[in-house]
Amino acid sequence: MSLKVVVAVWCVVVAAGGALADRPPPYGYPAPPPTYHEPEHPEVVVAVWCVVVAAGGALADRPPPYGYPAPPPTYNEPEHPEVPPKYTYNYAVVDDYSGTNFGHSESRDGYKTEGSYTVDLPDGRKQTVTYVDNGDGLVAEVTYEGEAQYPEYKPEPKYPSYPAPPPPPQYA
């Protein structure tokens, strides 16, 4: 069944439905009078509606357009100049209040990187790590200064002290 036949049958049903709307309902209160003015030429409105529906049906007969979506915008990676890296930096932290003492220094020229860092360990020693990297792997040397100290733990009980209670009241 073609779409045009369906639209024509639908237009007839809509036109017949207008005649059925004039009848009162079989029970209940009568329908209130309309608060609007009815159009003077309902046949023209139905005819225009049928033309609009038919035009929509004609447009619906067209196959949907298929295709690929628009390609996303391209992004080119920014070009970086081929300059070998070269830098030198160092820092040190010494805080007598907290006992913190460490530092680091490093320098790089191309693929050659050299550096060292020091840390005070909790056992009293100072650890120094010296490293070199020529681009073929990291070579590190770890040295310790001082001797590890592990003091013997001697727990001592500590009892809380409380003030003496006030003297009891005296009644005469």
Protein backbone atom coordinates (compact mmCIF):
# COMPACT_ATOMS: atom_id res chain seq x y z
CA MET A 1 0.00 0.00 0.00
CA SER A 2 1.53 3.30 -1.00
CA LEU A 3 1.91 6.26 1.26
CA LYS A 4 -0.44 8.38 -0.89
CA VAL A 5 -3.31 5.95 -0.33
CA VAL A 6 -2.66 5.98 3.42
CA VAL A 7 -2.67 9.79 3.47
CA ALA A 8 -5.92 9.94 1.46
CA VAL A 9 -7.64 7.47 3.81
CA TRP A 10 -6.37 9.44 6.78
CA CYS A 11 -7.80 12.69 5.34
CA VAL A 12 -11.21 11.01 4.93
CA VAL A 13 -11.11 9.75 8.52
CA VAL A 14 -10.22 13.22 9.80
CA ALA A 15 -13.05 14.78 7.80
CA ALA A 16 -15.52 12.18 9.12
CA GLY A 17 -14.26 12.74 12.64
CA GLY A 18 -15.42 16.33 12.44
CA ALA A 19 -19.01 15.13 11.91
CA LEU A 20 -18.77 12.79 14.90
CA ALA A 21 -17.53 15.59 17.14
CA ASP A 22 -20.91 17.40 16.85
CA ARG A 23 -22.82 14.63 18.67
CA PRO A 24 -23.32 14.97 22.42
CA PRO A 25 -21.73 12.35 24.65
CA PRO A 26 -24.04 9.45 25.54
CA TYR A 27 -23.95 10.20 29.28
CA GLY A 28 -22.91 12.90 31.73
CA TYR A 29 -23.17 16.64 31.43
CA PRO A 30 -23.57 18.30 28.07
CA ALA A 31 -20.43 19.66 26.48
CA PRO A 32 -19.82 23.31 27.35
CA PRO A 33 -20.16 25.84 24.56
CA PRO A 34 -16.87 26.62 22.84
CA THR A 35 -14.98 29.72 23.97
CA TYR A 36 -13.55 30.30 20.51
CA HIS A 37 -14.93 31.02 17.08
CA GLU A 38 -15.01 28.11 14.69
CA PRO A 39 -13.34 28.67 11.34
CA GLU A 40 -15.71 29.78 8.62
CA HIS A 41 -14.47 27.28 6.02
CA PRO A 42 -13.43 23.99 7.65
CA GLU A 43 -13.23 22.28 4.24
CA VAL A 44 -10.40 24.61 3.20
CA VAL A 45 -8.46 23.85 6.40
CA VAL A 46 -8.86 20.10 5.86
CA ALA A 47 -7.83 20.45 2.21
CA VAL A 48 -4.73 22.46 3.14
CA TRP A 49 -3.90 19.93 5.85
CA CYS A 50 -4.19 17.09 3.33
CA VAL A 51 -1.88 18.93 0.91
CA VAL A 52 0.69 19.46 3.67
CA VAL A 53 0.52 15.80 4.68
CA ALA A 54 0.79 14.68 1.05
CA ALA A 55 3.81 16.92 0.51
CA GLY A 56 5.39 15.49 3.63
CA GLY A 57 4.72 11.99 2.35
CA ALA A 58 6.31 12.84 -0.98
CA LEU A 59 9.38 14.13 0.79
CA ALA A 60 9.45 11.03 2.97
CA ASP A 61 9.67 8.80 -0.12
CA ARG A 62 13.18 10.06 -0.82
CA PRO A 63 15.99 7.79 0.39
CA PRO A 64 18.01 9.23 3.28
CA PRO A 65 21.35 10.72 2.29
CA TYR A 66 24.23 8.48 3.25
CA GLY A 67 27.86 9.41 3.37
CA TYR A 68 30.88 9.69 5.54
CA PRO A 69 31.05 12.40 8.18
CA ALA A 70 33.40 15.29 7.68
CA PRO A 71 36.96 14.40 8.64
CA PRO A 72 38.19 15.84 11.93
CA PRO A 73 40.61 18.74 11.76
CA THR A 74 44.20 17.67 11.48
CA TYR A 75 46.75 18.34 14.18
CA ASN A 76 50.38 18.60 13.36
CA GLU A 77 52.86 18.01 16.12
CA PRO A 78 54.89 21.15 16.78
CA GLU A 79 58.42 21.06 15.54
CA HIS A 80 61.13 21.23 18.19
CA PRO A 81 64.63 22.27 17.29
CA GLU A 82 67.22 19.52 17.62
CA VAL A 83 69.34 21.24 20.26
CA PRO A 84 71.10 18.93 22.71
CA PRO A 85 70.01 19.58 26.30
CA LYS A 86 72.45 21.40 28.53
CA TYR A 87 71.81 22.41 32.13
CA THR A 88 73.25 22.49 35.65
CA TYR A 89 71.40 22.73 38.94
CA ASN A 90 71.86 22.02 42.64
CA TYR A 91 70.07 22.49 45.93
CA ALA A 92 70.64 21.75 49.60
CA VAL A 93 68.43 21.69 52.68
CA VAL A 94 69.82 22.00 56.19
CA ASP A 95 67.34 22.35 59.06
CA ASP A 96 68.81 21.97 62.54
CA TYR A 97 65.40 22.10 64.22
CA SER A 98 64.07 18.98 62.45
CA GLY A 99 67.45 17.37 61.78
CA THR A 100 66.95 17.45 58.02
CA ASN A 101 70.08 17.52 55.89
CA PHE A 102 70.09 16.56 52.20
CA GLY A 103 71.16 17.94 48.83
CA HIS A 104 71.38 17.21 45.12
CA SER A 105 73.45 18.49 42.19
CA GLU A 106 73.30 17.50 38.53
CA SER A 107 74.70 18.67 35.21
CA ARG A 108 73.91 17.54 31.68
CA ASP A 109 75.52 18.19 28.34
CA GLY A 110 73.87 16.24 25.51
CA TYR A 111 73.60 12.60 26.51
CA LYS A 112 76.18 12.88 29.30
CA THR A 113 74.59 13.37 32.71
CA GLU A 114 76.51 13.53 35.98
CA GLY A 115 75.27 14.17 39.46
CA SER A 116 75.22 13.28 43.12
CA TYR A 117 72.95 13.55 46.11
CA THR A 118 73.43 13.18 49.85
CA VAL A 119 71.06 12.18 52.63
CA ASP A 120 71.52 11.92 56.39
CA LEU A 121 70.21 8.50 57.40
CA PRO A 122 68.35 7.82 60.67
CA ASP A 123 71.15 5.56 61.94
CA GLY A 124 73.62 8.48 61.96
CA ARG A 125 75.38 7.78 58.66
CA LYS A 126 75.53 10.03 55.60
CA GLN A 127 74.70 8.37 52.27
CA THR A 128 76.21 9.81 49.08
CA VAL A 129 75.15 8.59 45.64
CA THR A 130 77.24 9.63 42.65
CA TYR A 131 75.90 8.73 39.21
CA VAL A 132 76.95 9.04 35.56
CA ASP A 133 74.93 8.36 32.42
CA ASN A 134 76.51 8.59 28.96
CA GLY A 135 73.35 7.57 27.11
CA ASP A 136 74.09 3.85 27.40
CA GLY A 137 72.87 3.30 30.96
CA LEU A 138 73.09 4.66 34.46
CA VAL A 139 76.13 3.86 36.60
CA ALA A 140 75.73 4.73 40.27
CA GLU A 141 78.17 4.50 43.16
CA VAL A 142 76.80 4.54 46.71
CA THR A 143 79.07 5.42 49.64
CA TYR A 144 78.44 5.86 53.36
CA GLU A 145 80.24 8.13 55.80
CA GLY A 146 80.28 7.36 59.50
CA GLU A 147 79.24 4.27 61.37
CA ALA A 148 75.71 3.10 62.04
CA GLN A 149 74.62 3.63 65.63
CA TYR A 150 71.86 1.63 67.20
CA PRO A 151 71.48 2.72 70.83
CA GLU A 152 70.05 0.10 73.14
CA TYR A 153 66.44 0.67 74.02
CA LYS A 154 65.84 0.93 77.75
CA PRO A 155 62.19 1.42 78.54
CA GLU A 156 61.53 3.15 81.83
CA PRO A 157 58.08 3.21 83.35
CA LYS A 158 56.70 6.65 83.77
CA TYR A 159 53.86 6.93 86.19
CA PRO A 160 51.53 9.89 86.08
CA SER A 161 51.57 12.27 89.02
CA TYR A 162 48.40 13.76 90.39
CA PRO A 163 48.00 16.66 92.84
CA ALA A 164 46.99 15.86 96.41
CA PRO A 165 43.26 15.94 97.01
CA PRO A 166 41.88 18.94 98.88
CA PRO A 167 41.24 18.48 102.62
CA PRO A 168 37.72 17.40 103.55
CA PRO A 169 35.35 20.12 104.73
CA GLN A 170 34.88 20.55 108.48
CA TYR A 171 31.47 21.26 109.96
CA ALA A 172 30.99 22.81 113.41
